Amino acid sequence: MRNLIPTALLALALPLAACSQETQQNAEKTAEYAADDAAKNADAAGEVLEDVAADAAREVSEGAAALEGKLRDGDDPADELEKAPAVD
């Protein structure tokens, strides 16, 4: 009878240990998948930012070239500006 109780406890503990190991492995896989997704999302965001920065640089360059042309022609770029609204 003395040996029966420890044997029964051991028999109950083994499936719990296996379940715990499986749960840990699943958690590790989930963490790996989450890290992969985060890396892919960061790469995609980086590409979008690069595209936006390139577009902004192109627009600024075009605006600077247009301003340079107007200044070279003697036009005052301020003539094209509208008056700012009055602030009360």
PDB file of N, CA and C in Angstrom:
ATOM      1  N   MET A   1       0.812  -1.184   0.000  1.00  0.00           N
ATOM      2  CA  MET A   1       0.000   0.000   0.000  1.00  0.00           C
ATOM      3  C   MET A   1       0.859   1.254   0.000  1.00  0.00           C
ATOM      4  N   ARG A   2       1.997   1.175   0.712  1.00  0.00           N
ATOM      5  CA  ARG A   2       2.887   2.329   0.745  1.00  0.00           C
ATOM      6  C   ARG A   2       3.390   2.675  -0.652  1.00  0.00           C
ATOM      7  N   ASN A   3       3.696   1.693  -1.425  1.00  0.00           N
ATOM      8  CA  ASN A   3       4.212   1.918  -2.770  1.00  0.00           C
ATOM      9  C   ASN A   3       3.119   2.330  -3.749  1.00  0.00           C
ATOM     10  N   LEU A   4       1.905   2.041  -3.435  1.00  0.00           N
ATOM     11  CA  LEU A   4       0.798   2.332  -4.330  1.00  0.00           C
ATOM     12  C   LEU A   4       0.547   3.836  -4.445  1.00  0.00           C
ATOM     13  N   ILE A   5       0.616   4.546  -3.360  1.00  0.00           N
ATOM     14  CA  ILE A   5       0.333   5.987  -3.377  1.00  0.00           C
ATOM     15  C   ILE A   5       1.392   6.745  -4.189  1.00  0.00           C
ATOM     16  N   PRO A   6       2.679   6.553  -3.957  1.00  0.00           N
ATOM     17  CA  PRO A   6       3.662   7.254  -4.791  1.00  0.00           C
ATOM     18  C   PRO A   6       3.574   6.854  -6.263  1.00  0.00           C
ATOM     19  N   THR A   7       3.256   5.587  -6.497  1.00  0.00           N
ATOM     20  CA  THR A   7       3.127   5.141  -7.885  1.00  0.00           C
ATOM     21  C   THR A   7       1.934   5.816  -8.543  1.00  0.00           C
ATOM     22  N   ALA A   8       0.830   5.940  -7.825  1.00  0.00           N
ATOM     23  CA  ALA A   8      -0.361   6.603  -8.356  1.00  0.00           C
ATOM     24  C   ALA A   8      -0.089   8.084  -8.614  1.00  0.00           C
ATOM     25  N   LEU A   9       0.628   8.730  -7.701  1.00  0.00           N
ATOM     26  CA  LEU A   9       0.967  10.141  -7.891  1.00  0.00           C
ATOM     27  C   LEU A   9       1.884  10.328  -9.096  1.00  0.00           C
ATOM     28  N   LEU A  10       2.818   9.426  -9.240  1.00  0.00           N
ATOM     29  CA  LEU A  10       3.714   9.497 -10.386  1.00  0.00           C
ATOM     30  C   LEU A  10       2.936   9.293 -11.684  1.00  0.00           C
ATOM     31  N   ALA A  11       2.011   8.363 -11.666  1.00  0.00           N
ATOM     32  CA  ALA A  11       1.196   8.099 -12.859  1.00  0.00           C
ATOM     33  C   ALA A  11       0.356   9.324 -13.220  1.00  0.00           C
ATOM     34  N   LEU A  12      -0.100  10.076 -12.246  1.00  0.00           N
ATOM     35  CA  LEU A  12      -0.871  11.294 -12.510  1.00  0.00           C
ATOM     36  C   LEU A  12       0.028  12.449 -12.959  1.00  0.00           C
ATOM     37  N   ALA A  13       1.249  12.482 -12.464  1.00  0.00           N
ATOM     38  CA  ALA A  13       2.151  13.592 -12.769  1.00  0.00           C
ATOM     39  C   ALA A  13       2.735  13.507 -14.179  1.00  0.00           C
ATOM     40  N   LEU A  14       2.933  12.318 -14.696  1.00  0.00           N
ATOM     41  CA  LEU A  14       3.551  12.173 -16.017  1.00  0.00           C
ATOM     42  C   LEU A  14       2.744  12.837 -17.135  1.00  0.00           C
ATOM     43  N   PRO A  15       1.437  12.625 -17.220  1.00  0.00           N
ATOM     44  CA  PRO A  15       0.684  13.317 -18.281  1.00  0.00           C
ATOM     45  C   PRO A  15       0.718  14.837 -18.120  1.00  0.00           C
ATOM     46  N   LEU A  16       0.735  15.314 -16.869  1.00  0.00           N
ATOM     47  CA  LEU A  16       0.806  16.758 -16.650  1.00  0.00           C
ATOM     48  C   LEU A  16       2.141  17.311 -17.124  1.00  0.00           C
ATOM     49  N   ALA A  17       3.207  16.579 -16.895  1.00  0.00           N
ATOM     50  CA  ALA A  17       4.524  17.019 -17.352  1.00  0.00           C
ATOM     51  C   ALA A  17       4.567  17.045 -18.870  1.00  0.00           C
ATOM     52  N   ALA A  18       3.989  16.056 -19.513  1.00  0.00           N
ATOM     53  CA  ALA A  18       3.958  16.010 -20.967  1.00  0.00           C
ATOM     54  C   ALA A  18       3.119  17.157 -21.516  1.00  0.00           C
ATOM     55  N   CYS A  19       2.008  17.421 -20.882  1.00  0.00           N
ATOM     56  CA  CYS A  19       1.139  18.528 -21.301  1.00  0.00           C
ATOM     57  C   CYS A  19       1.882  19.840 -21.143  1.00  0.00           C
ATOM     58  N   SER A  20       2.588  19.995 -20.062  1.00  0.00           N
ATOM     59  CA  SER A  20       3.344  21.215 -19.821  1.00  0.00           C
ATOM     60  C   SER A  20       4.417  21.400 -20.889  1.00  0.00           C
ATOM     61  N   GLN A  21       5.095  20.332 -21.264  1.00  0.00           N
ATOM     62  CA  GLN A  21       6.124  20.393 -22.304  1.00  0.00           C
ATOM     63  C   GLN A  21       5.499  20.779 -23.636  1.00  0.00           C
ATOM     64  N   GLU A  22       4.365  20.192 -23.959  1.00  0.00           N
ATOM     65  CA  GLU A  22       3.686  20.512 -25.214  1.00  0.00           C
ATOM     66  C   GLU A  22       3.220  21.968 -25.208  1.00  0.00           C
ATOM     67  N   THR A  23       2.710  22.414 -24.087  1.00  0.00           N
ATOM     68  CA  THR A  23       2.271  23.802 -23.971  1.00  0.00           C
ATOM     69  C   THR A  23       3.448  24.750 -24.151  1.00  0.00           C
ATOM     70  N   GLN A  24       4.568  24.408 -23.581  1.00  0.00           N
ATOM     71  CA  GLN A  24       5.762  25.244 -23.717  1.00  0.00           C
ATOM     72  C   GLN A  24       6.233  25.295 -25.168  1.00  0.00           C
ATOM     73  N   GLN A  25       6.210  24.152 -25.838  1.00  0.00           N
ATOM     74  CA  GLN A  25       6.616  24.123 -27.245  1.00  0.00           C
ATOM     75  C   GLN A  25       5.662  24.960 -28.095  1.00  0.00           C
ATOM     76  N   ASN A  26       4.360  24.851 -27.818  1.00  0.00           N
ATOM     77  CA  ASN A  26       3.381  25.648 -28.556  1.00  0.00           C
ATOM     78  C   ASN A  26       3.596  27.141 -28.317  1.00  0.00           C
ATOM     79  N   ALA A  27       3.910  27.499 -27.081  1.00  0.00           N
ATOM     80  CA  ALA A  27       4.172  28.901 -26.764  1.00  0.00           C
ATOM     81  C   ALA A  27       5.414  29.398 -27.509  1.00  0.00           C
ATOM     82  N   GLU A  28       6.436  28.565 -27.587  1.00  0.00           N
ATOM     83  CA  GLU A  28       7.646  28.942 -28.315  1.00  0.00           C
ATOM     84  C   GLU A  28       7.354  29.137 -29.803  1.00  0.00           C
ATOM     85  N   LYS A  29       6.560  28.233 -30.380  1.00  0.00           N
ATOM     86  CA  LYS A  29       6.198  28.360 -31.796  1.00  0.00           C
ATOM     87  C   LYS A  29       5.397  29.635 -32.024  1.00  0.00           C
ATOM     88  N   THR A  30       4.468  29.910 -31.119  1.00  0.00           N
ATOM     89  CA  THR A  30       3.655  31.120 -31.239  1.00  0.00           C
ATOM     90  C   THR A  30       4.534  32.365 -31.182  1.00  0.00           C
ATOM     91  N   ALA A  31       5.487  32.369 -30.279  1.00  0.00           N
ATOM     92  CA  ALA A  31       6.403  33.513 -30.169  1.00  0.00           C
ATOM     93  C   ALA A  31       7.242  33.663 -31.439  1.00  0.00           C
ATOM     94  N   GLU A  32       7.687  32.547 -32.003  1.00  0.00           N
ATOM     95  CA  GLU A  32       8.463  32.606 -33.245  1.00  0.00           C
ATOM     96  C   GLU A  32       7.618  33.156 -34.390  1.00  0.00           C
ATOM     97  N   TYR A  33       6.372  32.687 -34.491  1.00  0.00           N
ATOM     98  CA  TYR A  33       5.490  33.181 -35.549  1.00  0.00           C
ATOM     99  C   TYR A  33       5.225  34.670 -35.371  1.00  0.00           C
ATOM    100  N   ALA A  34       5.014  35.090 -34.137  1.00  0.00           N
ATOM    101  CA  ALA A  34       4.765  36.508 -33.877  1.00  0.00           C
ATOM    102  C   ALA A  34       5.987  37.348 -34.244  1.00  0.00           C
ATOM    103  N   ALA A  35       7.164  36.860 -33.938  1.00  0.00           N
ATOM    104  CA  ALA A  35       8.396  37.587 -34.283  1.00  0.00           C
ATOM    105  C   ALA A  35       8.555  37.667 -35.806  1.00  0.00           C
ATOM    106  N   ASP A  36       8.259  36.581 -36.506  1.00  0.00           N
ATOM    107  CA  ASP A  36       8.342  36.587 -37.968  1.00  0.00           C
ATOM    108  C   ASP A  36       7.355  37.595 -38.556  1.00  0.00           C
ATOM    109  N   ASP A  37       6.125  37.592 -38.036  1.00  0.00           N
ATOM    110  CA  ASP A  37       5.123  38.540 -38.515  1.00  0.00           C
ATOM    111  C   ASP A  37       5.557  39.979 -38.253  1.00  0.00           C
ATOM    112  N   ALA A  38       6.103  40.229 -37.080  1.00  0.00           N
ATOM    113  CA  ALA A  38       6.554  41.582 -36.746  1.00  0.00           C
ATOM    114  C   ALA A  38       7.677  42.015 -37.684  1.00  0.00           C
ATOM    115  N   ALA A  39       8.592  41.110 -37.995  1.00  0.00           N
ATOM    116  CA  ALA A  39       9.693  41.442 -38.909  1.00  0.00           C
ATOM    117  C   ALA A  39       9.166  41.737 -40.312  1.00  0.00           C
ATOM    118  N   LYS A  40       8.218  40.927 -40.774  1.00  0.00           N
ATOM    119  CA  LYS A  40       7.645  41.158 -42.105  1.00  0.00           C
ATOM    120  C   LYS A  40       6.907  42.492 -42.147  1.00  0.00           C
ATOM    121  N   ASN A  41       6.149  42.796 -41.088  1.00  0.00           N
ATOM    122  CA  ASN A  41       5.427  44.063 -41.040  1.00  0.00           C
ATOM    123  C   ASN A  41       6.389  45.242 -40.986  1.00  0.00           C
ATOM    124  N   ALA A  42       7.488  45.097 -40.266  1.00  0.00           N
ATOM    125  CA  ALA A  42       8.485  46.166 -40.205  1.00  0.00           C
ATOM    126  C   ALA A  42       9.122  46.381 -41.568  1.00  0.00           C
ATOM    127  N   ASP A  43       9.408  45.299 -42.284  1.00  0.00           N
ATOM    128  CA  ASP A  43       9.964  45.415 -43.636  1.00  0.00           C
ATOM    129  C   ASP A  43       8.991  46.129 -44.567  1.00  0.00           C
ATOM    130  N   ALA A  44       7.724  45.746 -44.496  1.00  0.00           N
ATOM    131  CA  ALA A  44       6.711  46.376 -45.348  1.00  0.00           C
ATOM    132  C   ALA A  44       6.569  47.853 -45.015  1.00  0.00           C
ATOM    133  N   ALA A  45       6.558  48.185 -43.733  1.00  0.00           N
ATOM    134  CA  ALA A  45       6.460  49.585 -43.329  1.00  0.00           C
ATOM    135  C   ALA A  45       7.678  50.369 -43.799  1.00  0.00           C
ATOM    136  N   GLY A  46       8.850  49.751 -43.724  1.00  0.00           N
ATOM    137  CA  GLY A  46      10.062  50.410 -44.192  1.00  0.00           C
ATOM    138  C   GLY A  46      10.007  50.708 -45.680  1.00  0.00           C
ATOM    139  N   GLU A  47       9.473  49.775 -46.451  1.00  0.00           N
ATOM    140  CA  GLU A  47       9.350  49.995 -47.891  1.00  0.00           C
ATOM    141  C   GLU A  47       8.381  51.137 -48.192  1.00  0.00           C
ATOM    142  N   VAL A  48       7.279  51.184 -47.464  1.00  0.00           N
ATOM    143  CA  VAL A  48       6.311  52.265 -47.665  1.00  0.00           C
ATOM    144  C   VAL A  48       6.952  53.605 -47.321  1.00  0.00           C
ATOM    145  N   LEU A  49       7.676  53.654 -46.209  1.00  0.00           N
ATOM    146  CA  LEU A  49       8.342  54.899 -45.819  1.00  0.00           C
ATOM    147  C   LEU A  49       9.376  55.330 -46.852  1.00  0.00           C
ATOM    148  N   GLU A  50      10.105  54.380 -47.406  1.00  0.00           N
ATOM    149  CA  GLU A  50      11.073  54.716 -48.454  1.00  0.00           C
ATOM    150  C   GLU A  50      10.377  55.313 -49.666  1.00  0.00           C
ATOM    151  N   ASP A  51       9.242  54.722 -50.058  1.00  0.00           N
ATOM    152  CA  ASP A  51       8.500  55.230 -51.208  1.00  0.00           C
ATOM    153  C   ASP A  51       7.976  56.638 -50.941  1.00  0.00           C
ATOM    154  N   VAL A  52       7.431  56.843 -49.752  1.00  0.00           N
ATOM    155  CA  VAL A  52       6.897  58.163 -49.397  1.00  0.00           C
ATOM    156  C   VAL A  52       8.017  59.195 -49.354  1.00  0.00           C
ATOM    157  N   ALA A  53       9.156  58.827 -48.785  1.00  0.00           N
ATOM    158  CA  ALA A  53      10.286  59.752 -48.719  1.00  0.00           C
ATOM    159  C   ALA A  53      10.795  60.094 -50.116  1.00  0.00           C
ATOM    160  N   ALA A  54      10.844  59.112 -51.002  1.00  0.00           N
ATOM    161  CA  ALA A  54      11.292  59.364 -52.381  1.00  0.00           C
ATOM    162  C   ALA A  54      10.318  60.292 -53.097  1.00  0.00           C
ATOM    163  N   ASP A  55       9.007  60.071 -52.901  1.00  0.00           N
ATOM    164  CA  ASP A  55       8.002  60.948 -53.513  1.00  0.00           C
ATOM    165  C   ASP A  55       8.122  62.376 -52.976  1.00  0.00           C
ATOM    166  N   ALA A  56       8.307  62.500 -51.664  1.00  0.00           N
ATOM    167  CA  ALA A  56       8.438  63.827 -51.059  1.00  0.00           C
ATOM    168  C   ALA A  56       9.689  64.537 -51.575  1.00  0.00           C
ATOM    169  N   ALA A  57      10.789  63.816 -51.690  1.00  0.00           N
ATOM    170  CA  ALA A  57      12.024  64.409 -52.198  1.00  0.00           C
ATOM    171  C   ALA A  57      11.847  64.878 -53.638  1.00  0.00           C
ATOM    172  N   ARG A  58      11.149  64.077 -54.434  1.00  0.00           N
ATOM    173  CA  ARG A  58      10.903  64.454 -55.832  1.00  0.00           C
ATOM    174  C   ARG A  58      10.054  65.717 -55.897  1.00  0.00           C
ATOM    175  N   GLU A  59       9.009  65.784 -55.075  1.00  0.00           N
ATOM    176  CA  GLU A  59       8.124  66.954 -55.065  1.00  0.00           C
ATOM    177  C   GLU A  59       8.883  68.211 -54.634  1.00  0.00           C
ATOM    178  N   VAL A  60       9.710  68.085 -53.612  1.00  0.00           N
ATOM    179  CA  VAL A  60      10.496  69.226 -53.151  1.00  0.00           C
ATOM    180  C   VAL A  60      11.464  69.670 -54.243  1.00  0.00           C
ATOM    181  N   SER A  61      12.094  68.723 -54.905  1.00  0.00           N
ATOM    182  CA  SER A  61      13.031  69.040 -55.981  1.00  0.00           C
ATOM    183  C   SER A  61      12.324  69.766 -57.125  1.00  0.00           C
ATOM    184  N   GLU A  62      11.136  69.271 -57.488  1.00  0.00           N
ATOM    185  CA  GLU A  62      10.370  69.915 -58.559  1.00  0.00           C
ATOM    186  C   GLU A  62       9.957  71.328 -58.155  1.00  0.00           C
ATOM    187  N   GLY A  63       9.529  71.492 -56.910  1.00  0.00           N
ATOM    188  CA  GLY A  63       9.143  72.824 -56.421  1.00  0.00           C
ATOM    189  C   GLY A  63      10.322  73.777 -56.396  1.00  0.00           C
ATOM    190  N   ALA A  64      11.477  73.274 -55.984  1.00  0.00           N
ATOM    191  CA  ALA A  64      12.674  74.111 -55.949  1.00  0.00           C
ATOM    192  C   ALA A  64      13.084  74.519 -57.359  1.00  0.00           C
ATOM    193  N   ALA A  65      12.970  73.605 -58.300  1.00  0.00           N
ATOM    194  CA  ALA A  65      13.314  73.920 -59.688  1.00  0.00           C
ATOM    195  C   ALA A  65      12.353  74.969 -60.253  1.00  0.00           C
ATOM    196  N   ALA A  66      11.072  74.839 -59.940  1.00  0.00           N
ATOM    197  CA  ALA A  66      10.090  75.820 -60.413  1.00  0.00           C
ATOM    198  C   ALA A  66      10.362  77.190 -59.806  1.00  0.00           C
ATOM    199  N   LEU A  67      10.677  77.226 -58.522  1.00  0.00           N
ATOM    200  CA  LEU A  67      10.996  78.488 -57.856  1.00  0.00           C
ATOM    201  C   LEU A  67      12.251  79.114 -58.459  1.00  0.00           C
ATOM    202  N   GLU A  68      13.255  78.296 -58.704  1.00  0.00           N
ATOM    203  CA  GLU A  68      14.489  78.788 -59.308  1.00  0.00           C
ATOM    204  C   GLU A  68      14.206  79.402 -60.680  1.00  0.00           C
ATOM    205  N   GLY A  69      13.344  78.729 -61.442  1.00  0.00           N
ATOM    206  CA  GLY A  69      12.986  79.253 -62.768  1.00  0.00           C
ATOM    207  C   GLY A  69      12.272  80.580 -62.670  1.00  0.00           C
ATOM    208  N   LYS A  70      11.371  80.728 -61.738  1.00  0.00           N
ATOM    209  CA  LYS A  70      10.644  81.991 -61.570  1.00  0.00           C
ATOM    210  C   LYS A  70      11.592  83.097 -61.131  1.00  0.00           C
ATOM    211  N   LEU A  71      12.479  82.786 -60.221  1.00  0.00           N
ATOM    212  CA  LEU A  71      13.427  83.799 -59.761  1.00  0.00           C
ATOM    213  C   LEU A  71      14.378  84.215 -60.890  1.00  0.00           C
ATOM    214  N   ARG A  72      14.758  83.257 -61.706  1.00  0.00           N
ATOM    215  CA  ARG A  72      15.643  83.538 -62.835  1.00  0.00           C
ATOM    216  C   ARG A  72      14.944  84.431 -63.855  1.00  0.00           C
ATOM    217  N   ASP A  73      13.629  84.226 -64.032  1.00  0.00           N
ATOM    218  CA  ASP A  73      12.850  85.018 -64.992  1.00  0.00           C
ATOM    219  C   ASP A  73      12.466  86.382 -64.433  1.00  0.00           C
ATOM    220  N   GLY A  74      12.743  86.617 -63.182  1.00  0.00           N
ATOM    221  CA  GLY A  74      12.400  87.904 -62.580  1.00  0.00           C
ATOM    222  C   GLY A  74      10.997  87.946 -62.003  1.00  0.00           C
ATOM    223  N   ASP A  75      10.298  86.824 -62.005  1.00  0.00           N
ATOM    224  CA  ASP A  75       8.960  86.785 -61.420  1.00  0.00           C
ATOM    225  C   ASP A  75       9.096  86.723 -59.905  1.00  0.00           C
ATOM    226  N   ASP A  76       8.160  87.386 -59.237  1.00  0.00           N
ATOM    227  CA  ASP A  76       8.138  87.329 -57.766  1.00  0.00           C
ATOM    228  C   ASP A  76       7.165  86.224 -57.368  1.00  0.00           C
ATOM    229  N   PRO A  77       7.656  85.134 -56.790  1.00  0.00           N
ATOM    230  CA  PRO A  77       6.765  84.036 -56.404  1.00  0.00           C
ATOM    231  C   PRO A  77       5.713  84.464 -55.389  1.00  0.00           C
ATOM    232  N   ALA A  78       5.966  85.538 -54.664  1.00  0.00           N
ATOM    233  CA  ALA A  78       4.998  85.995 -53.673  1.00  0.00           C
ATOM    234  C   ALA A  78       3.736  86.514 -54.342  1.00  0.00           C
ATOM    235  N   ASP A  79       3.816  86.897 -55.612  1.00  0.00           N
ATOM    236  CA  ASP A  79       2.627  87.378 -56.320  1.00  0.00           C
ATOM    237  C   ASP A  79       1.565  86.294 -56.430  1.00  0.00           C
ATOM    238  N   GLU A  80       1.976  85.038 -56.402  1.00  0.00           N
ATOM    239  CA  GLU A  80       1.038  83.931 -56.543  1.00  0.00           C
ATOM    240  C   GLU A  80       0.406  83.511 -55.222  1.00  0.00           C
ATOM    241  N   LEU A  81       0.910  84.055 -54.130  1.00  0.00           N
ATOM    242  CA  LEU A  81       0.381  83.677 -52.821  1.00  0.00           C
ATOM    243  C   LEU A  81      -0.890  84.449 -52.526  1.00  0.00           C
ATOM    244  N   GLU A  82      -1.823  83.798 -51.884  1.00  0.00           N
ATOM    245  CA  GLU A  82      -3.039  84.477 -51.453  1.00  0.00           C
ATOM    246  C   GLU A  82      -2.773  85.103 -50.090  1.00  0.00           C
ATOM    247  N   LYS A  83      -3.556  86.126 -49.809  1.00  0.00           N
ATOM    248  CA  LYS A  83      -3.417  86.759 -48.512  1.00  0.00           C
ATOM    249  C   LYS A  83      -3.855  85.777 -47.427  1.00  0.00           C
ATOM    250  N   ALA A  84      -3.140  85.823 -46.347  1.00  0.00           N
ATOM    251  CA  ALA A  84      -3.510  84.971 -45.212  1.00  0.00           C
ATOM    252  C   ALA A  84      -4.769  85.541 -44.577  1.00  0.00           C
ATOM    253  N   PRO A  85      -5.663  84.683 -44.117  1.00  0.00           N
ATOM    254  CA  PRO A  85      -6.880  85.186 -43.482  1.00  0.00           C
ATOM    255  C   PRO A  85      -6.545  85.913 -42.184  1.00  0.00           C
ATOM    256  N   ALA A  86      -7.339  86.919 -41.894  1.00  0.00           N
ATOM    257  CA  ALA A  86      -7.133  87.686 -40.659  1.00  0.00           C
ATOM    258  C   ALA A  86      -7.449  86.814 -39.466  1.00  0.00           C
ATOM    259  N   VAL A  87      -6.663  86.938 -38.455  1.00  0.00           N
ATOM    260  CA  VAL A  87      -6.870  86.175 -37.228  1.00  0.00           C
ATOM    261  C   VAL A  87      -7.333  87.134 -36.155  1.00  0.00           C
ATOM    262  N   ASP A  88      -8.460  86.826 -35.559  1.00  0.00           N
ATOM    263  CA  ASP A  88      -8.979  87.690 -34.494  1.00  0.00           C
ATOM    264  C   ASP A  88      -8.408  87.325 -33.167  1.00  0.00           C
TER     265      ASP A  88
END
